[in-house]
Amino acid sequence: MLYRQDGITSEPTPDLTRLRGRRPARGQTKKPVLIVVHQRHSCPGHVGNWFRTQGYPLDIRRPSLGDTLPETLEGHIGAVIFGGPQSANDNRDFILAETDWIGVPLRENKPFLGICLGAQMLARHLGASVDFHPDGFAEIGYYRIEPTPEGAALLDWPRYVYQWHREGFTLPAGAELLARGEIFKHQAYRYGSAFGIQFHPEITHALVNRWSTRSSHRLALPGARPRGAHFNGHVAYGPGQRRWLSDLLSGWVKADADAS
């Protein structure tokens, strides 16, 4: 489950200052959120949980298993593309199709969130590159990040976030860097209505256990945290990461409502 990892313009960014959203009015009919995952048993974790508790249905699609993606997001609140074992550099048909499809939310100025592989696909769509760390390092476990001034003006960021990757991306032209890391410099960015993040705010305790068990051999990669540190880090830093996610998604849906 290790995440290995073209250009288009969009309308101006909605006002997302201090992403502190509010729930849609009670009784209001809510559009579904498009959830794109890459394996049969992939789980949207805390991202899916947040949308469910707010009353947004999940439209889960798996292009790797033959699912198609909508020609427009008019009927959706937005879209999230998650991580997976594939690389954004793969020439597999569904990877190329997903990467090209990202033009839909960008053209329509709809909220889009790319997580890990999804962020790398967004970067490639925008003409940036995706590659391994020059010294072979991976980020697997909890790692410290620092918001840029632009990022700090937007959100209260967690000190540590959960990672599971050994490829990173260059910053796309025209994108705004929101957070930096020590091993992989680019951790979060914004381009129009789209956000790309290298880390995994969707992670749950069950997912930490699943990933670190089924892919335990990855823990031997240079820079990876030992398995125990994954669980200790999740206890210490998981709540802050979830609060950040809630703030992000609250502002995300509010921006779509304000633009409608």
C-alpha atoms as a PDB file:
ATOM      1  CA  MET A   1       0.000   0.000   0.000  1.00  0.00           C
ATOM      2  CA  LEU A   2       2.965   2.310  -0.500  1.00  0.00           C
ATOM      3  CA  TYR A   3       2.001   5.361  -2.503  1.00  0.00           C
ATOM      4  CA  ARG A   4       4.379   5.946  -5.384  1.00  0.00           C
ATOM      5  CA  GLN A   5       3.980   8.132  -6.951  1.00  0.00           C
ATOM      6  CA  ASP A   6      -0.805  17.639 -17.229  1.00  0.00           C
ATOM      7  CA  GLY A   7      -2.195  22.327 -17.358  1.00  0.00           C
ATOM      8  CA  ILE A   8      -5.433  24.257 -17.072  1.00  0.00           C
ATOM      9  CA  THR A   9      -6.540  27.520 -15.548  1.00  0.00           C
ATOM     10  CA  SER A  10      -9.428  28.013 -13.163  1.00  0.00           C
ATOM     11  CA  GLU A  11     -11.605  30.816 -11.877  1.00  0.00           C
ATOM     12  CA  PRO A  12     -10.474  32.863  -8.859  1.00  0.00           C
ATOM     13  CA  THR A  13     -10.272  31.086  -5.523  1.00  0.00           C
ATOM     14  CA  PRO A  14     -13.381  31.400  -3.329  1.00  0.00           C
ATOM     15  CA  ASP A  15     -12.914  33.290  -0.052  1.00  0.00           C
ATOM     16  CA  LEU A  16     -11.712  30.585   2.320  1.00  0.00           C
ATOM     17  CA  THR A  17     -10.265  32.880   4.991  1.00  0.00           C
ATOM     18  CA  ARG A  18      -9.936  30.959   8.258  1.00  0.00           C
ATOM     19  CA  LEU A  19     -11.711  27.852   7.127  1.00  0.00           C
ATOM     20  CA  ARG A  20     -14.284  27.752   9.901  1.00  0.00           C
ATOM     21  CA  GLY A  21     -17.431  26.478   8.213  1.00  0.00           C
ATOM     22  CA  ARG A  22     -20.960  25.950   9.383  1.00  0.00           C
ATOM     23  CA  ARG A  23     -23.264  23.025   8.774  1.00  0.00           C
ATOM     24  CA  PRO A  24     -25.832  23.327   5.990  1.00  0.00           C
ATOM     25  CA  ALA A  25     -29.284  24.290   7.237  1.00  0.00           C
ATOM     26  CA  ARG A  26     -31.293  21.471   8.782  1.00  0.00           C
ATOM     27  CA  GLY A  27     -33.550  19.817   6.265  1.00  0.00           C
ATOM     28  CA  GLN A  28     -31.588  21.132   3.311  1.00  0.00           C
ATOM     29  CA  THR A  29     -31.073  18.563   0.565  1.00  0.00           C
ATOM     30  CA  LYS A  30     -27.375  17.901   0.288  1.00  0.00           C
ATOM     31  CA  LYS A  31     -25.488  16.855  -2.801  1.00  0.00           C
ATOM     32  CA  PRO A  32     -23.197  13.821  -2.564  1.00  0.00           C
ATOM     33  CA  VAL A  33     -19.443  14.097  -2.473  1.00  0.00           C
ATOM     34  CA  LEU A  34     -17.526  12.139  -5.108  1.00  0.00           C
ATOM     35  CA  ILE A  35     -15.049   9.781  -3.442  1.00  0.00           C
ATOM     36  CA  VAL A  36     -12.401   8.201  -5.711  1.00  0.00           C
ATOM     37  CA  VAL A  37     -10.424   5.299  -4.258  1.00  0.00           C
ATOM     38  CA  HIS A  38      -8.038   2.833  -5.860  1.00  0.00           C
ATOM     39  CA  GLN A  39      -8.572  -0.598  -4.331  1.00  0.00           C
ATOM     40  CA  ARG A  40     -11.624  -2.778  -3.730  1.00  0.00           C
ATOM     41  CA  HIS A  41     -11.484  -2.449   0.053  1.00  0.00           C
ATOM     42  CA  SER A  42     -10.150   1.120   0.298  1.00  0.00           C
ATOM     43  CA  CYS A  43     -11.783   3.173   3.042  1.00  0.00           C
ATOM     44  CA  PRO A  44     -12.274   6.980   3.082  1.00  0.00           C
ATOM     45  CA  GLY A  45     -11.701   6.945   6.847  1.00  0.00           C
ATOM     46  CA  HIS A  46     -12.262  10.207   8.695  1.00  0.00           C
ATOM     47  CA  VAL A  47     -12.986  12.058   5.435  1.00  0.00           C
ATOM     48  CA  GLY A  48     -15.939   9.775   4.780  1.00  0.00           C
ATOM     49  CA  ASN A  49     -16.969   9.942   8.432  1.00  0.00           C
ATOM     50  CA  TRP A  50     -17.055  13.762   8.371  1.00  0.00           C
ATOM     51  CA  PHE A  51     -19.249  13.948   5.278  1.00  0.00           C
ATOM     52  CA  ARG A  52     -21.627  11.278   6.625  1.00  0.00           C
ATOM     53  CA  THR A  53     -22.083  13.046   9.965  1.00  0.00           C
ATOM     54  CA  GLN A  54     -22.829  16.287   8.097  1.00  0.00           C
ATOM     55  CA  GLY A  55     -25.495  14.515   6.018  1.00  0.00           C
ATOM     56  CA  TYR A  56     -23.640  14.358   2.699  1.00  0.00           C
ATOM     57  CA  PRO A  57     -24.000  11.051   0.815  1.00  0.00           C
ATOM     58  CA  LEU A  58     -20.832   9.384  -0.456  1.00  0.00           C
ATOM     59  CA  ASP A  59     -20.632   8.552  -4.182  1.00  0.00           C
ATOM     60  CA  ILE A  60     -17.719   6.087  -4.055  1.00  0.00           C
ATOM     61  CA  ARG A  61     -16.095   5.112  -7.337  1.00  0.00           C
ATOM     62  CA  ARG A  62     -13.161   2.862  -8.169  1.00  0.00           C
ATOM     63  CA  PRO A  63     -11.832   3.596 -11.669  1.00  0.00           C
ATOM     64  CA  SER A  64      -9.186   0.885 -11.199  1.00  0.00           C
ATOM     65  CA  LEU A  65     -12.082  -1.611 -11.147  1.00  0.00           C
ATOM     66  CA  GLY A  66     -13.895  -0.113 -14.136  1.00  0.00           C
ATOM     67  CA  ASP A  67     -16.020   2.657 -12.576  1.00  0.00           C
ATOM     68  CA  THR A  68     -16.445   5.789 -14.671  1.00  0.00           C
ATOM     69  CA  LEU A  69     -16.191   9.380 -13.445  1.00  0.00           C
ATOM     70  CA  PRO A  70     -18.921  11.992 -14.075  1.00  0.00           C
ATOM     71  CA  GLU A  71     -18.634  14.415 -16.980  1.00  0.00           C
ATOM     72  CA  THR A  72     -19.625  17.257 -14.635  1.00  0.00           C
ATOM     73  CA  LEU A  73     -19.708  17.863 -10.880  1.00  0.00           C
ATOM     74  CA  GLU A  74     -22.925  19.873 -11.084  1.00  0.00           C
ATOM     75  CA  GLY A  75     -24.637  17.174  -9.044  1.00  0.00           C
ATOM     76  CA  HIS A  76     -21.868  16.881  -6.432  1.00  0.00           C
ATOM     77  CA  ILE A  77     -20.610  19.059  -3.593  1.00  0.00           C
ATOM     78  CA  GLY A  78     -17.058  18.331  -4.765  1.00  0.00           C
ATOM     79  CA  ALA A  79     -14.589  15.495  -5.209  1.00  0.00           C
ATOM     80  CA  VAL A  80     -11.841  13.772  -3.245  1.00  0.00           C
ATOM     81  CA  ILE A  81      -9.210  11.548  -4.864  1.00  0.00           C
ATOM     82  CA  PHE A  82      -7.429   9.398  -2.304  1.00  0.00           C
ATOM     83  CA  GLY A  83      -4.125   7.540  -2.280  1.00  0.00           C
ATOM     84  CA  GLY A  84      -3.354   4.057  -3.516  1.00  0.00           C
ATOM     85  CA  PRO A  85      -0.576   1.637  -4.414  1.00  0.00           C
ATOM     86  CA  GLN A  86      -0.239   3.089  -7.913  1.00  0.00           C
ATOM     87  CA  SER A  87       2.036   5.872  -9.129  1.00  0.00           C
ATOM     88  CA  ALA A  88       0.921   9.141 -10.699  1.00  0.00           C
ATOM     89  CA  ASN A  89       3.620   8.330 -13.286  1.00  0.00           C
ATOM     90  CA  ASP A  90       1.987   5.040 -14.298  1.00  0.00           C
ATOM     91  CA  ASN A  91       0.739   4.795 -17.875  1.00  0.00           C
ATOM     92  CA  ARG A  92      -2.236   2.634 -16.917  1.00  0.00           C
ATOM     93  CA  ASP A  93      -5.449   3.756 -18.574  1.00  0.00           C
ATOM     94  CA  PHE A  94      -7.331   4.590 -15.386  1.00  0.00           C
ATOM     95  CA  ILE A  95      -4.429   6.618 -13.951  1.00  0.00           C
ATOM     96  CA  LEU A  96      -4.234   8.671 -17.144  1.00  0.00           C
ATOM     97  CA  ALA A  97      -8.026   9.067 -17.208  1.00  0.00           C
ATOM     98  CA  GLU A  98      -8.206  10.180 -13.553  1.00  0.00           C
ATOM     99  CA  THR A  99      -5.384  12.666 -14.008  1.00  0.00           C
ATOM    100  CA  ASP A 100      -7.090  14.143 -17.068  1.00  0.00           C
ATOM    101  CA  TRP A 101     -10.493  14.152 -15.297  1.00  0.00           C
ATOM    102  CA  ILE A 102      -9.187  16.574 -12.650  1.00  0.00           C
ATOM    103  CA  GLY A 103      -9.786  19.239 -15.295  1.00  0.00           C
ATOM    104  CA  VAL A 104     -13.529  18.916 -14.531  1.00  0.00           C
ATOM    105  CA  PRO A 105     -13.460  20.391 -10.981  1.00  0.00           C
ATOM    106  CA  LEU A 106     -10.843  22.947 -12.054  1.00  0.00           C
ATOM    107  CA  ARG A 107     -12.948  24.188 -14.990  1.00  0.00           C
ATOM    108  CA  GLU A 108     -16.134  24.221 -12.905  1.00  0.00           C
ATOM    109  CA  ASN A 109     -14.396  25.804  -9.885  1.00  0.00           C
ATOM    110  CA  LYS A 110     -15.726  23.000  -7.674  1.00  0.00           C
ATOM    111  CA  PRO A 111     -14.012  21.963  -4.443  1.00  0.00           C
ATOM    112  CA  PHE A 112     -11.397  19.284  -5.047  1.00  0.00           C
ATOM    113  CA  LEU A 113      -9.113  17.569  -2.559  1.00  0.00           C
ATOM    114  CA  GLY A 114      -6.250  15.324  -3.632  1.00  0.00           C
ATOM    115  CA  ILE A 115      -4.705  13.174  -0.921  1.00  0.00           C
ATOM    116  CA  CYS A 116      -1.231  11.687  -1.495  1.00  0.00           C
ATOM    117  CA  LEU A 117      -1.621   9.989  -4.902  1.00  0.00           C
ATOM    118  CA  GLY A 118      -4.539  12.367  -5.563  1.00  0.00           C
ATOM    119  CA  ALA A 119      -2.300  15.371  -4.806  1.00  0.00           C
ATOM    120  CA  GLN A 120       0.368  13.973  -7.077  1.00  0.00           C
ATOM    121  CA  MET A 121      -2.164  13.449  -9.877  1.00  0.00           C
ATOM    122  CA  LEU A 122      -3.271  17.072  -9.459  1.00  0.00           C
ATOM    123  CA  ALA A 123       0.368  18.195  -9.623  1.00  0.00           C
ATOM    124  CA  ARG A 124       0.944  16.227 -12.828  1.00  0.00           C
ATOM    125  CA  HIS A 125      -2.273  17.581 -14.348  1.00  0.00           C
ATOM    126  CA  LEU A 126      -0.908  21.073 -13.686  1.00  0.00           C
ATOM    127  CA  GLY A 127       2.428  20.275 -15.348  1.00  0.00           C
ATOM    128  CA  ALA A 128       4.544  19.554 -12.256  1.00  0.00           C
ATOM    129  CA  SER A 129       6.655  16.434 -11.740  1.00  0.00           C
ATOM    130  CA  VAL A 130       6.383  13.509  -9.338  1.00  0.00           C
ATOM    131  CA  ASP A 131       9.446  11.537  -8.299  1.00  0.00           C
ATOM    132  CA  PHE A 132      11.257   9.657  -5.550  1.00  0.00           C
ATOM    133  CA  HIS A 133      13.332  11.409  -2.926  1.00  0.00           C
ATOM    134  CA  PRO A 134      16.871  11.943  -4.332  1.00  0.00           C
ATOM    135  CA  ASP A 135      18.390  10.103  -1.351  1.00  0.00           C
ATOM    136  CA  GLY A 136      15.831   7.300  -1.298  1.00  0.00           C
ATOM    137  CA  PHE A 137      13.994   8.430   1.829  1.00  0.00           C
ATOM    138  CA  ALA A 138      10.364   7.654   2.555  1.00  0.00           C
ATOM    139  CA  GLU A 139       7.852   9.248   4.915  1.00  0.00           C
ATOM    140  CA  ILE A 140       5.938   6.487   6.692  1.00  0.00           C
ATOM    141  CA  GLY A 141       4.441   7.428  10.034  1.00  0.00           C
ATOM    142  CA  TYR A 142       3.935  10.788  11.732  1.00  0.00           C
ATOM    143  CA  TYR A 143       6.159  13.704  10.627  1.00  0.00           C
ATOM    144  CA  ARG A 144       6.355  17.360  11.511  1.00  0.00           C
ATOM    145  CA  ILE A 145       5.155  19.968   9.013  1.00  0.00           C
ATOM    146  CA  GLU A 146       5.249  23.759   9.076  1.00  0.00           C
ATOM    147  CA  PRO A 147       2.642  26.009   7.464  1.00  0.00           C
ATOM    148  CA  THR A 148       3.781  28.792   5.190  1.00  0.00           C
ATOM    149  CA  PRO A 149       2.500  32.306   6.016  1.00  0.00           C
ATOM    150  CA  GLU A 150      -0.225  31.749   3.415  1.00  0.00           C
ATOM    151  CA  GLY A 151      -1.152  28.431   4.986  1.00  0.00           C
ATOM    152  CA  ALA A 152      -1.159  29.844   8.518  1.00  0.00           C
ATOM    153  CA  ALA A 153      -3.570  32.587   7.422  1.00  0.00           C
ATOM    154  CA  LEU A 154      -5.936  29.920   6.132  1.00  0.00           C
ATOM    155  CA  LEU A 155      -6.000  27.185   8.785  1.00  0.00           C
ATOM    156  CA  ASP A 156      -4.705  26.125  12.189  1.00  0.00           C
ATOM    157  CA  TRP A 157      -2.318  23.338  11.160  1.00  0.00           C
ATOM    158  CA  PRO A 158      -1.409  20.229  13.142  1.00  0.00           C
ATOM    159  CA  ARG A 159       2.229  19.948  14.194  1.00  0.00           C
ATOM    160  CA  TYR A 160       2.515  16.365  12.962  1.00  0.00           C
ATOM    161  CA  VAL A 161       0.663  14.516  10.193  1.00  0.00           C
ATOM    162  CA  TYR A 162       0.455  10.900   9.056  1.00  0.00           C
ATOM    163  CA  GLN A 163       2.407   9.970   5.938  1.00  0.00           C
ATOM    164  CA  TRP A 164       2.743   6.866   3.777  1.00  0.00           C
ATOM    165  CA  HIS A 165       4.735   7.575   0.622  1.00  0.00           C
ATOM    166  CA  ARG A 166       8.170   7.720  -0.961  1.00  0.00           C
ATOM    167  CA  GLU A 167       7.380   9.962  -3.913  1.00  0.00           C
ATOM    168  CA  GLY A 168       6.711  13.672  -3.790  1.00  0.00           C
ATOM    169  CA  PHE A 169       5.793  16.471  -6.174  1.00  0.00           C
ATOM    170  CA  THR A 170       7.223  19.751  -7.339  1.00  0.00           C
ATOM    171  CA  LEU A 171       5.033  22.797  -6.797  1.00  0.00           C
ATOM    172  CA  PRO A 172       2.852  23.433  -9.883  1.00  0.00           C
ATOM    173  CA  ALA A 173       3.192  26.805 -11.584  1.00  0.00           C
ATOM    174  CA  GLY A 174       0.578  29.187 -10.217  1.00  0.00           C
ATOM    175  CA  ALA A 175      -0.038  27.107  -7.088  1.00  0.00           C
ATOM    176  CA  GLU A 176       0.237  28.464  -3.551  1.00  0.00           C
ATOM    177  CA  LEU A 177       2.360  26.444  -1.134  1.00  0.00           C
ATOM    178  CA  LEU A 178       0.563  26.020   2.202  1.00  0.00           C
ATOM    179  CA  ALA A 179       2.823  23.691   4.208  1.00  0.00           C
ATOM    180  CA  ARG A 180       6.392  22.383   4.130  1.00  0.00           C
ATOM    181  CA  GLY A 181       8.110  19.260   5.445  1.00  0.00           C
ATOM    182  CA  GLU A 182      11.698  18.370   6.261  1.00  0.00           C
ATOM    183  CA  ILE A 183      12.098  15.304   4.004  1.00  0.00           C
ATOM    184  CA  PHE A 184       9.603  16.145   1.272  1.00  0.00           C
ATOM    185  CA  LYS A 185       9.471  19.937   1.001  1.00  0.00           C
ATOM    186  CA  HIS A 186       6.018  20.298  -0.547  1.00  0.00           C
ATOM    187  CA  GLN A 187       3.307  18.999   1.776  1.00  0.00           C
ATOM    188  CA  ALA A 188       0.207  21.031   0.889  1.00  0.00           C
ATOM    189  CA  TYR A 189      -0.775  23.482  -1.844  1.00  0.00           C
ATOM    190  CA  ARG A 190      -3.791  25.244  -3.311  1.00  0.00           C
ATOM    191  CA  TYR A 191      -4.622  25.925  -6.937  1.00  0.00           C
ATOM    192  CA  GLY A 192      -7.910  27.702  -7.506  1.00  0.00           C
ATOM    193  CA  SER A 193     -10.624  25.600  -5.876  1.00  0.00           C
ATOM    194  CA  ALA A 194      -8.292  22.594  -5.506  1.00  0.00           C
ATOM    195  CA  PHE A 195      -6.161  21.476  -2.588  1.00  0.00           C
ATOM    196  CA  GLY A 196      -3.388  18.890  -2.762  1.00  0.00           C
ATOM    197  CA  ILE A 197      -1.955  17.368   0.407  1.00  0.00           C
ATOM    198  CA  GLN A 198       0.828  14.808   0.688  1.00  0.00           C
ATOM    199  CA  PHE A 199      -0.324  13.412   4.050  1.00  0.00           C
ATOM    200  CA  HIS A 200      -3.301  11.345   5.208  1.00  0.00           C
ATOM    201  CA  PRO A 201      -5.814  13.156   7.462  1.00  0.00           C
ATOM    202  CA  GLU A 202      -8.316  10.377   6.757  1.00  0.00           C
ATOM    203  CA  ILE A 203      -6.252   7.902   8.788  1.00  0.00           C
ATOM    204  CA  THR A 204      -8.015   6.012  11.587  1.00  0.00           C
ATOM    205  CA  HIS A 205      -6.576   3.701  14.230  1.00  0.00           C
ATOM    206  CA  ALA A 206      -7.856   0.719  12.215  1.00  0.00           C
ATOM    207  CA  LEU A 207      -6.121   2.016   9.076  1.00  0.00           C
ATOM    208  CA  VAL A 208      -2.850   2.577  10.954  1.00  0.00           C
ATOM    209  CA  ASN A 209      -3.057  -1.038  12.061  1.00  0.00           C
ATOM    210  CA  ARG A 210      -3.950  -2.334   8.588  1.00  0.00           C
ATOM    211  CA  TRP A 211      -1.276  -0.418   6.701  1.00  0.00           C
ATOM    212  CA  SER A 212       1.522  -1.096   9.188  1.00  0.00           C
ATOM    213  CA  THR A 213       0.624  -4.800   9.279  1.00  0.00           C
ATOM    214  CA  ARG A 214      -0.007  -5.598   5.629  1.00  0.00           C
ATOM    215  CA  SER A 215       2.893  -3.455   4.427  1.00  0.00           C
ATOM    216  CA  SER A 216       5.217  -3.901   7.395  1.00  0.00           C
ATOM    217  CA  HIS A 217       8.177  -4.432   5.055  1.00  0.00           C
ATOM    218  CA  ARG A 218       7.891  -0.755   4.128  1.00  0.00           C
ATOM    219  CA  LEU A 219       8.863   0.185   7.672  1.00  0.00           C
ATOM    220  CA  ALA A 220      12.444  -0.801   6.830  1.00  0.00           C
ATOM    221  CA  LEU A 221      12.744   1.955   4.215  1.00  0.00           C
ATOM    222  CA  PRO A 222      15.120   4.827   5.033  1.00  0.00           C
ATOM    223  CA  GLY A 223      13.304   7.471   7.059  1.00  0.00           C
ATOM    224  CA  ALA A 224      10.301   5.286   7.964  1.00  0.00           C
ATOM    225  CA  ARG A 225       9.103   5.286  11.585  1.00  0.00           C
ATOM    226  CA  PRO A 226       9.011   2.019  13.563  1.00  0.00           C
ATOM    227  CA  ARG A 227       5.561   0.473  13.955  1.00  0.00           C
ATOM    228  CA  GLY A 228       5.147   1.426  17.604  1.00  0.00           C
ATOM    229  CA  ALA A 229       5.757   5.069  16.766  1.00  0.00           C
ATOM    230  CA  HIS A 230       2.785   4.972  14.374  1.00  0.00           C
ATOM    231  CA  PHE A 231       0.398   4.142  17.212  1.00  0.00           C
ATOM    232  CA  ASN A 232       2.020   6.465  19.739  1.00  0.00           C
ATOM    233  CA  GLY A 233       1.928   9.247  17.172  1.00  0.00           C
ATOM    234  CA  HIS A 234      -1.708   8.555  16.379  1.00  0.00           C
ATOM    235  CA  VAL A 235      -2.654   8.953  20.042  1.00  0.00           C
ATOM    236  CA  ALA A 236      -0.623  12.151  20.385  1.00  0.00           C
ATOM    237  CA  TYR A 237      -1.285  13.813  17.026  1.00  0.00           C
ATOM    238  CA  GLY A 238      -4.371  12.166  15.553  1.00  0.00           C
ATOM    239  CA  PRO A 239      -6.884  14.463  17.326  1.00  0.00           C
ATOM    240  CA  GLY A 240      -5.163  17.621  16.051  1.00  0.00           C
ATOM    241  CA  GLN A 241      -5.064  16.194  12.542  1.00  0.00           C
ATOM    242  CA  ARG A 242      -8.808  15.444  12.721  1.00  0.00           C
ATOM    243  CA  ARG A 243      -9.614  18.972  13.914  1.00  0.00           C
ATOM    244  CA  TRP A 244      -7.649  20.353  10.973  1.00  0.00           C
ATOM    245  CA  LEU A 245      -9.553  18.077   8.602  1.00  0.00           C
ATOM    246  CA  SER A 246     -12.894  19.210  10.028  1.00  0.00           C
ATOM    247  CA  ASP A 247     -11.911  22.865   9.566  1.00  0.00           C
ATOM    248  CA  LEU A 248     -10.765  22.224   5.997  1.00  0.00           C
ATOM    249  CA  LEU A 249     -13.890  20.337   4.934  1.00  0.00           C
ATOM    250  CA  SER A 250     -16.235  22.784   6.700  1.00  0.00           C
ATOM    251  CA  GLY A 251     -14.754  25.645   4.673  1.00  0.00           C
ATOM    252  CA  TRP A 252     -14.694  23.432   1.596  1.00  0.00           C
ATOM    253  CA  VAL A 253     -18.475  22.878   1.569  1.00  0.00           C
ATOM    254  CA  LYS A 254     -19.179  26.470   2.631  1.00  0.00           C
ATOM    255  CA  ALA A 255     -17.153  27.740  -0.338  1.00  0.00           C
ATOM    256  CA  ASP A 256     -19.254  25.608  -2.686  1.00  0.00           C
ATOM    257  CA  ALA A 257     -22.488  26.844  -1.079  1.00  0.00           C
ATOM    258  CA  ASP A 258     -21.373  30.489  -1.351  1.00  0.00           C
ATOM    259  CA  ALA A 259     -20.449  29.983  -5.021  1.00  0.00           C
ATOM    260  CA  SER A 260     -23.786  28.333  -5.878  1.00  0.00           C
END
